[in-house]
């Protein structure tokens, strides 16, 4: 359980530091006047916080896959374009440079 995220789920703007994810080591900011939520309240919101963490992780993985697919498709599109008779010279140059760099990697 991530105690700090649970506290922020209950009180979004609560100012504190949680050392070692330990409830007994919560240090409240000097300007904070509200009491720390009790441990039972934190446990109650943990499933919501955990679901949010899992959602963020799956979104990150999906974005990484999309970036990878975009990069692969850009390369494929460039390779196809340079085979066309009226392809721009600068794209042909980019493709030649890319081929030489790929050869260097092998």
N, C-alpha and C. Protein backbone atom coordinates (compact mmCIF):
# COMPACT_ATOMS: atom_id res chain seq x y z
N UNK A 1 0.85 -1.18 0.00
CA UNK A 1 0.00 0.00 0.00
C UNK A 1 0.89 1.24 0.00
N UNK A 2 0.59 2.18 -0.85
CA UNK A 2 1.33 3.43 -0.94
C UNK A 2 0.61 4.46 -0.05
N UNK A 3 1.14 4.65 1.14
CA UNK A 3 0.48 5.50 2.14
C UNK A 3 0.32 6.93 1.65
N UNK A 4 1.34 7.48 1.03
CA UNK A 4 1.27 8.88 0.58
C UNK A 4 0.17 9.07 -0.45
N UNK A 5 0.09 8.16 -1.43
CA UNK A 5 -0.96 8.28 -2.45
C UNK A 5 -2.34 8.12 -1.84
N UNK A 6 -2.47 7.26 -0.82
CA UNK A 6 -3.76 7.09 -0.15
C UNK A 6 -4.16 8.37 0.58
N UNK A 7 -3.20 9.00 1.26
CA UNK A 7 -3.49 10.26 1.95
C UNK A 7 -3.97 11.29 0.94
N UNK A 8 -3.26 11.39 -0.19
CA UNK A 8 -3.64 12.37 -1.20
C UNK A 8 -4.98 12.04 -1.85
N UNK A 9 -5.36 10.77 -1.84
CA UNK A 9 -6.67 10.39 -2.38
C UNK A 9 -7.79 10.90 -1.45
N UNK A 10 -7.53 10.85 -0.14
CA UNK A 10 -8.53 11.31 0.84
C UNK A 10 -8.54 12.83 0.92
N UNK A 11 -7.34 13.42 1.04
CA UNK A 11 -7.20 14.88 1.15
C UNK A 11 -6.22 15.31 0.05
N UNK A 12 -6.73 15.70 -1.13
CA UNK A 12 -5.85 15.95 -2.29
C UNK A 12 -4.71 16.93 -2.07
N UNK A 13 -4.89 17.94 -1.25
CA UNK A 13 -3.83 18.94 -1.09
C UNK A 13 -3.14 18.84 0.27
N UNK A 14 -3.17 17.67 0.89
CA UNK A 14 -2.54 17.47 2.20
C UNK A 14 -1.02 17.54 2.04
N UNK A 15 -0.37 18.30 2.91
CA UNK A 15 1.06 18.51 2.80
C UNK A 15 1.80 17.69 3.87
N UNK A 16 2.50 16.66 3.39
CA UNK A 16 3.27 15.83 4.32
C UNK A 16 4.32 15.04 3.55
N UNK A 17 5.21 14.41 4.30
CA UNK A 17 6.20 13.50 3.75
C UNK A 17 6.04 12.18 4.49
N UNK A 18 6.07 11.08 3.76
CA UNK A 18 5.96 9.75 4.39
C UNK A 18 7.31 9.05 4.20
N UNK A 19 7.99 8.80 5.29
CA UNK A 19 9.30 8.15 5.24
C UNK A 19 9.13 6.63 5.22
N UNK A 20 9.79 5.97 4.30
CA UNK A 20 9.81 4.50 4.19
C UNK A 20 8.41 3.89 4.09
N UNK A 21 7.45 4.63 3.58
CA UNK A 21 6.08 4.16 3.43
C UNK A 21 5.55 3.60 4.76
N UNK A 22 5.90 4.28 5.86
CA UNK A 22 5.53 3.84 7.21
C UNK A 22 4.57 4.87 7.81
N UNK A 23 3.42 4.38 8.29
CA UNK A 23 2.41 5.28 8.85
C UNK A 23 2.96 6.06 10.04
N UNK A 24 3.81 5.42 10.84
CA UNK A 24 4.37 6.09 12.02
C UNK A 24 5.41 7.14 11.67
N UNK A 25 5.88 7.14 10.41
CA UNK A 25 6.92 8.09 10.00
C UNK A 25 6.37 9.17 9.07
N UNK A 26 5.13 9.55 9.28
CA UNK A 26 4.54 10.64 8.49
C UNK A 26 4.95 11.95 9.13
N UNK A 27 5.55 12.82 8.35
CA UNK A 27 5.95 14.14 8.85
C UNK A 27 5.06 15.17 8.17
N UNK A 28 4.25 15.84 8.98
CA UNK A 28 3.31 16.83 8.45
C UNK A 28 4.05 18.16 8.25
N UNK A 29 3.73 18.84 7.17
CA UNK A 29 4.27 20.17 6.90
C UNK A 29 3.80 21.13 7.99
N UNK A 30 4.65 22.11 8.31
CA UNK A 30 4.31 23.07 9.37
C UNK A 30 3.04 23.85 9.08
N UNK A 31 2.75 24.07 7.81
CA UNK A 31 1.56 24.86 7.47
C UNK A 31 0.28 24.03 7.45
N UNK A 32 0.38 22.70 7.62
CA UNK A 32 -0.80 21.82 7.57
C UNK A 32 -1.50 21.82 8.92
N UNK A 33 -2.81 22.07 8.89
CA UNK A 33 -3.57 22.12 10.14
C UNK A 33 -4.52 20.93 10.30
N UNK A 34 -4.72 20.16 9.25
CA UNK A 34 -5.66 19.04 9.32
C UNK A 34 -4.97 17.80 9.90
N UNK A 35 -5.72 16.95 10.57
CA UNK A 35 -5.12 15.73 11.12
C UNK A 35 -4.85 14.69 10.02
N UNK A 36 -3.93 13.80 10.31
CA UNK A 36 -3.61 12.72 9.39
C UNK A 36 -4.78 11.74 9.38
N UNK A 37 -5.21 11.28 8.21
CA UNK A 37 -6.27 10.25 8.18
C UNK A 37 -5.77 8.99 8.90
N UNK A 38 -6.67 8.28 9.57
CA UNK A 38 -6.23 7.08 10.29
C UNK A 38 -5.95 5.95 9.29
N UNK A 39 -5.28 4.92 9.79
CA UNK A 39 -4.82 3.84 8.92
C UNK A 39 -5.98 3.11 8.26
N UNK A 40 -7.10 2.95 8.96
CA UNK A 40 -8.26 2.27 8.39
C UNK A 40 -8.81 3.05 7.19
N UNK A 41 -8.80 4.38 7.27
CA UNK A 41 -9.25 5.20 6.14
C UNK A 41 -8.32 5.03 4.94
N UNK A 42 -7.04 4.94 5.22
CA UNK A 42 -6.08 4.74 4.14
C UNK A 42 -6.26 3.37 3.49
N UNK A 43 -6.47 2.34 4.29
CA UNK A 43 -6.71 1.00 3.74
C UNK A 43 -7.99 0.95 2.90
N UNK A 44 -8.97 1.75 3.29
CA UNK A 44 -10.25 1.76 2.57
C UNK A 44 -10.10 2.31 1.15
N UNK A 45 -9.22 3.28 0.96
CA UNK A 45 -9.06 3.87 -0.37
C UNK A 45 -7.97 3.19 -1.19
N UNK A 46 -7.22 2.27 -0.60
CA UNK A 46 -6.12 1.62 -1.31
C UNK A 46 -6.58 0.92 -2.59
N UNK A 47 -7.70 0.19 -2.61
CA UNK A 47 -8.11 -0.43 -3.87
C UNK A 47 -8.29 0.57 -5.02
N UNK A 48 -8.81 1.75 -4.71
CA UNK A 48 -8.97 2.79 -5.73
C UNK A 48 -7.61 3.28 -6.21
N UNK A 49 -6.70 3.50 -5.27
CA UNK A 49 -5.36 3.99 -5.61
C UNK A 49 -4.63 2.93 -6.44
N UNK A 50 -4.75 1.66 -6.03
CA UNK A 50 -4.09 0.58 -6.76
C UNK A 50 -4.64 0.47 -8.18
N UNK A 51 -5.95 0.63 -8.34
CA UNK A 51 -6.55 0.59 -9.67
C UNK A 51 -6.03 1.74 -10.53
N UNK A 52 -5.86 2.91 -9.92
CA UNK A 52 -5.33 4.07 -10.65
C UNK A 52 -3.88 3.80 -11.07
N UNK A 53 -3.09 3.20 -10.19
CA UNK A 53 -1.69 2.89 -10.52
C UNK A 53 -1.63 1.91 -11.69
N UNK A 54 -2.46 0.86 -11.64
CA UNK A 54 -2.48 -0.12 -12.72
C UNK A 54 -2.93 0.51 -14.04
N UNK A 55 -3.89 1.41 -13.94
CA UNK A 55 -4.37 2.11 -15.15
C UNK A 55 -3.25 2.97 -15.75
N UNK A 56 -2.52 3.67 -14.89
CA UNK A 56 -1.41 4.50 -15.36
C UNK A 56 -0.34 3.63 -16.03
N UNK A 57 -0.05 2.46 -15.45
CA UNK A 57 0.94 1.57 -16.03
C UNK A 57 0.50 1.05 -17.39
N UNK A 58 -0.77 0.66 -17.50
CA UNK A 58 -1.24 0.15 -18.78
C UNK A 58 -1.28 1.25 -19.83
N UNK A 59 -1.60 2.48 -19.44
CA UNK A 59 -1.58 3.60 -20.38
C UNK A 59 -0.15 3.85 -20.85
N UNK A 60 0.81 3.76 -19.94
CA UNK A 60 2.21 3.97 -20.31
C UNK A 60 2.67 2.91 -21.29
N UNK A 61 2.31 1.64 -21.03
CA UNK A 61 2.68 0.56 -21.94
C UNK A 61 2.05 0.75 -23.31
N UNK A 62 0.78 1.17 -23.34
CA UNK A 62 0.10 1.40 -24.61
C UNK A 62 0.76 2.52 -25.39
N UNK A 63 1.15 3.60 -24.70
CA UNK A 63 1.82 4.71 -25.37
C UNK A 63 3.17 4.27 -25.94
N UNK A 64 3.90 3.45 -25.18
CA UNK A 64 5.20 2.97 -25.66
C UNK A 64 5.03 2.10 -26.91
N UNK A 65 4.00 1.25 -26.92
CA UNK A 65 3.74 0.41 -28.09
C UNK A 65 3.36 1.27 -29.30
N UNK A 66 2.55 2.31 -29.06
CA UNK A 66 2.16 3.20 -30.16
C UNK A 66 3.37 3.93 -30.74
N UNK A 67 4.25 4.38 -29.87
CA UNK A 67 5.47 5.06 -30.34
C UNK A 67 6.29 4.10 -31.19
N UNK A 68 6.43 2.86 -30.73
CA UNK A 68 7.19 1.86 -31.48
C UNK A 68 6.54 1.60 -32.85
N UNK A 69 5.22 1.44 -32.86
CA UNK A 69 4.52 1.21 -34.13
C UNK A 69 4.65 2.41 -35.07
N UNK A 70 4.56 3.61 -34.52
CA UNK A 70 4.71 4.80 -35.35
C UNK A 70 6.10 4.86 -35.99
N UNK A 71 7.12 4.58 -35.19
CA UNK A 71 8.48 4.61 -35.74
C UNK A 71 8.66 3.56 -36.83
N UNK A 72 8.11 2.36 -36.60
CA UNK A 72 8.22 1.32 -37.62
C UNK A 72 7.47 1.71 -38.89
N UNK A 73 6.30 2.30 -38.74
CA UNK A 73 5.52 2.65 -39.93
C UNK A 73 6.17 3.80 -40.69
N UNK A 74 6.77 4.72 -39.99
CA UNK A 74 7.45 5.83 -40.67
C UNK A 74 8.56 5.28 -41.55
N UNK A 75 9.31 4.34 -41.01
CA UNK A 75 10.39 3.74 -41.81
C UNK A 75 9.81 3.04 -43.04
N UNK A 76 8.74 2.28 -42.86
CA UNK A 76 8.13 1.57 -43.99
C UNK A 76 7.60 2.54 -45.03
N UNK A 77 6.97 3.60 -44.56
CA UNK A 77 6.43 4.59 -45.50
C UNK A 77 7.56 5.25 -46.29
N UNK A 78 8.65 5.58 -45.59
CA UNK A 78 9.79 6.20 -46.29
C UNK A 78 10.38 5.25 -47.31
N UNK A 79 10.52 3.96 -46.93
CA UNK A 79 11.05 2.98 -47.88
C UNK A 79 10.16 2.86 -49.11
N UNK A 80 8.86 2.92 -48.92
CA UNK A 80 7.94 2.81 -50.06
C UNK A 80 7.98 4.07 -50.93
N UNK A 81 8.03 5.23 -50.27
CA UNK A 81 8.02 6.49 -51.02
C UNK A 81 9.24 6.59 -51.94
N UNK A 82 10.41 6.18 -51.44
CA UNK A 82 11.61 6.34 -52.27
C UNK A 82 11.61 5.41 -53.48
N UNK A 83 10.75 4.41 -53.49
CA UNK A 83 10.65 3.54 -54.67
C UNK A 83 9.77 4.16 -55.75
N UNK A 84 9.06 5.21 -55.41
CA UNK A 84 8.18 5.86 -56.39
C UNK A 84 9.02 6.73 -57.33
N UNK A 85 8.61 6.84 -58.57
CA UNK A 85 9.42 7.59 -59.55
C UNK A 85 9.54 9.08 -59.24
N UNK A 86 8.55 9.67 -58.60
CA UNK A 86 8.60 11.11 -58.33
C UNK A 86 8.90 11.41 -56.85
N UNK A 87 9.63 10.53 -56.19
CA UNK A 87 9.98 10.73 -54.78
C UNK A 87 10.94 11.90 -54.63
N UNK A 88 10.76 12.70 -53.58
CA UNK A 88 11.68 13.82 -53.35
C UNK A 88 13.11 13.34 -53.10
N UNK A 89 14.05 14.12 -53.58
CA UNK A 89 15.46 13.76 -53.46
C UNK A 89 15.88 13.69 -51.98
N UNK A 90 15.38 14.61 -51.16
CA UNK A 90 15.80 14.61 -49.75
C UNK A 90 15.35 13.33 -49.04
N UNK A 91 14.21 12.76 -49.42
CA UNK A 91 13.79 11.49 -48.82
C UNK A 91 14.69 10.34 -49.27
N UNK A 92 15.09 10.40 -50.53
CA UNK A 92 16.01 9.37 -51.02
C UNK A 92 17.34 9.46 -50.28
N UNK A 93 17.79 10.70 -50.01
CA UNK A 93 19.02 10.88 -49.24
C UNK A 93 18.86 10.35 -47.81
N UNK A 94 17.72 10.65 -47.18
CA UNK A 94 17.47 10.14 -45.82
C UNK A 94 17.48 8.62 -45.80
N UNK A 95 16.87 8.01 -46.79
CA UNK A 95 16.82 6.55 -46.84
C UNK A 95 18.21 5.97 -47.04
N UNK A 96 19.01 6.60 -47.87
CA UNK A 96 20.39 6.12 -48.08
C UNK A 96 21.19 6.25 -46.78
N UNK A 97 21.02 7.36 -46.08
CA UNK A 97 21.72 7.54 -44.80
C UNK A 97 21.26 6.49 -43.79
N UNK A 98 19.96 6.23 -43.75
CA UNK A 98 19.43 5.24 -42.81
C UNK A 98 19.97 3.85 -43.12
N UNK A 99 20.06 3.50 -44.39
CA UNK A 99 20.60 2.20 -44.77
C UNK A 99 22.05 2.07 -44.34
N UNK A 100 22.83 3.13 -44.55
CA UNK A 100 24.24 3.05 -44.17
C UNK A 100 24.39 2.95 -42.65
N UNK A 101 23.53 3.64 -41.90
CA UNK A 101 23.59 3.55 -40.43
C UNK A 101 23.18 2.16 -39.95
N UNK A 102 22.17 1.57 -40.59
CA UNK A 102 21.76 0.21 -40.22
C UNK A 102 22.88 -0.78 -40.50
N UNK A 103 23.61 -0.59 -41.60
CA UNK A 103 24.73 -1.46 -41.93
C UNK A 103 25.84 -1.33 -40.88
N UNK A 104 26.06 -0.11 -40.40
CA UNK A 104 27.09 0.11 -39.37
C UNK A 104 26.74 -0.62 -38.07
N UNK A 105 25.43 -0.73 -37.79
CA UNK A 105 25.00 -1.39 -36.55
C UNK A 105 25.21 -2.90 -36.59
N UNK A 106 25.26 -3.46 -37.80
CA UNK A 106 25.40 -4.92 -37.90
C UNK A 106 26.78 -5.40 -37.61
